[in-house]
C-alpha atoms as a PDB file:
ATOM      1  CA  MET A   1     -12.651  38.614 -42.039  1.00  0.00           C
ATOM      2  CA  SER A   2     -13.235  35.853 -39.492  1.00  0.00           C
ATOM      3  CA  TYR A   3     -15.821  33.122 -40.017  1.00  0.00           C
ATOM      4  CA  THR A   4     -18.135  34.584 -37.375  1.00  0.00           C
ATOM      5  CA  GLY A   5     -17.632  37.997 -38.980  1.00  0.00           C
ATOM      6  CA  GLU A   6     -18.753  36.551 -42.324  1.00  0.00           C
ATOM      7  CA  LEU A   7     -21.810  35.056 -40.644  1.00  0.00           C
ATOM      8  CA  LYS A   8     -22.644  38.403 -38.935  1.00  0.00           C
ATOM      9  CA  LYS A   9     -22.468  40.015 -42.363  1.00  0.00           C
ATOM     10  CA  ALA A  10     -24.809  37.332 -43.787  1.00  0.00           C
ATOM     11  CA  ILE A  11     -27.291  37.901 -40.971  1.00  0.00           C
ATOM     12  CA  ARG A  12     -27.204  41.640 -41.652  1.00  0.00           C
ATOM     13  CA  GLN A  13     -27.727  41.103 -45.401  1.00  0.00           C
ATOM     14  CA  LEU A  14     -30.410  38.411 -45.081  1.00  0.00           C
ATOM     15  CA  HIS A  15     -32.394  39.727 -42.107  1.00  0.00           C
ATOM     16  CA  GLY A  16     -31.275  43.369 -41.582  1.00  0.00           C
ATOM     17  CA  CYS A  17     -30.047  42.689 -38.006  1.00  0.00           C
ATOM     18  CA  GLU A  18     -26.854  43.279 -36.086  1.00  0.00           C
ATOM     19  CA  ALA A  19     -25.517  40.135 -34.375  1.00  0.00           C
ATOM     20  CA  ASP A  20     -23.220  39.123 -31.521  1.00  0.00           C
ATOM     21  CA  HIS A  21     -21.752  35.599 -31.379  1.00  0.00           C
ATOM     22  CA  VAL A  22     -22.823  33.559 -28.325  1.00  0.00           C
ATOM     23  CA  GLU A  23     -21.653  29.962 -28.881  1.00  0.00           C
ATOM     24  CA  THR A  24     -20.910  27.166 -31.306  1.00  0.00           C
ATOM     25  CA  VAL A  25     -23.085  24.049 -31.258  1.00  0.00           C
ATOM     26  CA  SER A  26     -22.263  20.811 -33.137  1.00  0.00           C
ATOM     27  CA  VAL A  27     -25.298  19.395 -34.894  1.00  0.00           C
ATOM     28  CA  THR A  28     -25.850  16.085 -36.653  1.00  0.00           C
ATOM     29  CA  GLU A  29     -29.150  15.670 -38.453  1.00  0.00           C
ATOM     30  CA  THR A  30     -30.205  12.168 -39.530  1.00  0.00           C
ATOM     31  CA  PHE A  31     -33.055  10.856 -41.597  1.00  0.00           C
ATOM     32  CA  GLN A  32     -33.953   7.169 -41.759  1.00  0.00           C
ATOM     33  CA  GLY A  33     -30.648   6.280 -40.149  1.00  0.00           C
ATOM     34  CA  GLU A  34     -28.555   8.319 -42.565  1.00  0.00           C
ATOM     35  CA  THR A  35     -26.665  11.505 -41.715  1.00  0.00           C
ATOM     36  CA  VAL A  36     -28.047  14.256 -43.942  1.00  0.00           C
ATOM     37  CA  TRP A  37     -26.196  17.193 -42.371  1.00  0.00           C
ATOM     38  CA  GLN A  38     -23.350  17.478 -39.895  1.00  0.00           C
ATOM     39  CA  GLY A  39     -21.478  20.568 -38.809  1.00  0.00           C
ATOM     40  CA  ASP A  40     -21.226  23.484 -36.412  1.00  0.00           C
ATOM     41  CA  VAL A  41     -24.026  26.012 -36.035  1.00  0.00           C
ATOM     42  CA  GLU A  42     -23.081  29.436 -34.713  1.00  0.00           C
ATOM     43  CA  VAL A  43     -25.570  30.984 -32.328  1.00  0.00           C
ATOM     44  CA  PHE A  44     -25.997  34.780 -32.296  1.00  0.00           C
ATOM     45  CA  THR A  45     -28.071  37.249 -30.304  1.00  0.00           C
ATOM     46  CA  ILE A  46     -29.546  39.795 -32.702  1.00  0.00           C
ATOM     47  CA  ARG A  47     -30.720  43.387 -32.521  1.00  0.00           C
ATOM     48  CA  GLY A  48     -33.062  45.132 -34.944  1.00  0.00           C
ATOM     49  CA  HIS A  49     -35.657  42.436 -35.600  1.00  0.00           C
ATOM     50  CA  PRO A  50     -39.215  43.022 -34.334  1.00  0.00           C
ATOM     51  CA  LYS A  51     -39.774  39.400 -33.191  1.00  0.00           C
ATOM     52  CA  ALA A  52     -36.553  37.360 -33.087  1.00  0.00           C
ATOM     53  CA  ASN A  53     -33.799  37.704 -30.471  1.00  0.00           C
ATOM     54  CA  ARG A  54     -31.503  34.981 -31.807  1.00  0.00           C
ATOM     55  CA  ALA A  55     -30.232  33.704 -35.143  1.00  0.00           C
ATOM     56  CA  TYR A  56     -28.526  30.453 -36.080  1.00  0.00           C
ATOM     57  CA  ALA A  57     -26.014  30.596 -38.907  1.00  0.00           C
ATOM     58  CA  TRP A  58     -23.488  28.494 -40.821  1.00  0.00           C
ATOM     59  CA  ALA A  59     -21.835  28.293 -44.197  1.00  0.00           C
ATOM     60  CA  HIS A  60     -21.073  25.433 -46.514  1.00  0.00           C
ATOM     61  CA  GLU A  61     -19.537  24.926 -49.915  1.00  0.00           C
ATOM     62  CA  THR A  62     -21.717  24.298 -52.943  1.00  0.00           C
ATOM     63  CA  ASP A  63     -20.854  23.820 -56.592  1.00  0.00           C
ATOM     64  CA  LYS A  64     -21.453  27.574 -56.971  1.00  0.00           C
ATOM     65  CA  GLY A  65     -19.213  28.602 -54.043  1.00  0.00           C
ATOM     66  CA  LYS A  66     -19.839  29.296 -50.393  1.00  0.00           C
ATOM     67  CA  ARG A  67     -23.454  29.507 -49.261  1.00  0.00           C
ATOM     68  CA  TYR A  68     -24.461  31.259 -46.063  1.00  0.00           C
ATOM     69  CA  VAL A  69     -27.483  30.140 -44.079  1.00  0.00           C
ATOM     70  CA  ALA A  70     -29.007  32.285 -41.338  1.00  0.00           C
ATOM     71  CA  VAL A  71     -32.204  31.132 -39.644  1.00  0.00           C
ATOM     72  CA  LEU A  72     -34.037  33.334 -37.155  1.00  0.00           C
ATOM     73  CA  GLU A  73     -35.277  31.932 -33.841  1.00  0.00           C
ATOM     74  CA  LEU A  74     -38.998  32.102 -34.601  1.00  0.00           C
ATOM     75  CA  PRO A  75     -41.446  29.259 -33.941  1.00  0.00           C
ATOM     76  CA  PRO A  76     -41.012  26.398 -34.605  1.00  0.00           C
ATOM     77  CA  VAL A  77     -37.247  27.169 -34.608  1.00  0.00           C
ATOM     78  CA  ASP A  78     -36.037  27.235 -31.035  1.00  0.00           C
ATOM     79  CA  SER A  79     -32.615  25.543 -31.221  1.00  0.00           C
ATOM     80  CA  PRO A  80     -29.657  24.998 -33.553  1.00  0.00           C
ATOM     81  CA  GLN A  81     -30.988  21.517 -34.392  1.00  0.00           C
ATOM     82  CA  ASN A  82     -34.377  22.922 -35.430  1.00  0.00           C
ATOM     83  CA  ALA A  83     -32.683  25.674 -37.446  1.00  0.00           C
ATOM     84  CA  VAL A  84     -30.856  22.976 -39.462  1.00  0.00           C
ATOM     85  CA  ARG A  85     -34.091  21.050 -39.945  1.00  0.00           C
ATOM     86  CA  ALA A  86     -35.905  24.209 -41.134  1.00  0.00           C
ATOM     87  CA  ALA A  87     -33.145  24.970 -43.583  1.00  0.00           C
ATOM     88  CA  ILE A  88     -33.218  21.428 -44.964  1.00  0.00           C
ATOM     89  CA  VAL A  89     -36.995  21.582 -45.421  1.00  0.00           C
ATOM     90  CA  GLU A  90     -36.747  24.985 -47.102  1.00  0.00           C
ATOM     91  CA  GLU A  91     -34.047  23.774 -49.465  1.00  0.00           C
ATOM     92  CA  ALA A  92     -36.131  20.716 -50.381  1.00  0.00           C
ATOM     93  CA  LYS A  93     -39.095  22.964 -51.175  1.00  0.00           C
ATOM     94  CA  LYS A  94     -36.920  25.089 -53.488  1.00  0.00           C
ATOM     95  CA  LYS A  95     -35.809  21.966 -55.396  1.00  0.00           C
ATOM     96  CA  ARG A  96     -39.404  20.924 -56.171  1.00  0.00           C
END
């Protein structure tokens, strides 16, 4: 399965939506002058969600294997950059 196919599957599993790939956007997120995340975010149009029309998704390796992230375009998320920020904040909350 292709990378975008894997991400479509993740969007389906996480949010119950079908997805079509639109584009790839490179994102670099910094905090206090340090790069905290850098990579490509895949942008998808989605069908089957009552409020969101887009999703932003990517995967990365962890010590437990590959982790898929899929963030819906719902306020305040309105761009790939904001999707990465929202995922970072959510991950930080889980670690507390």
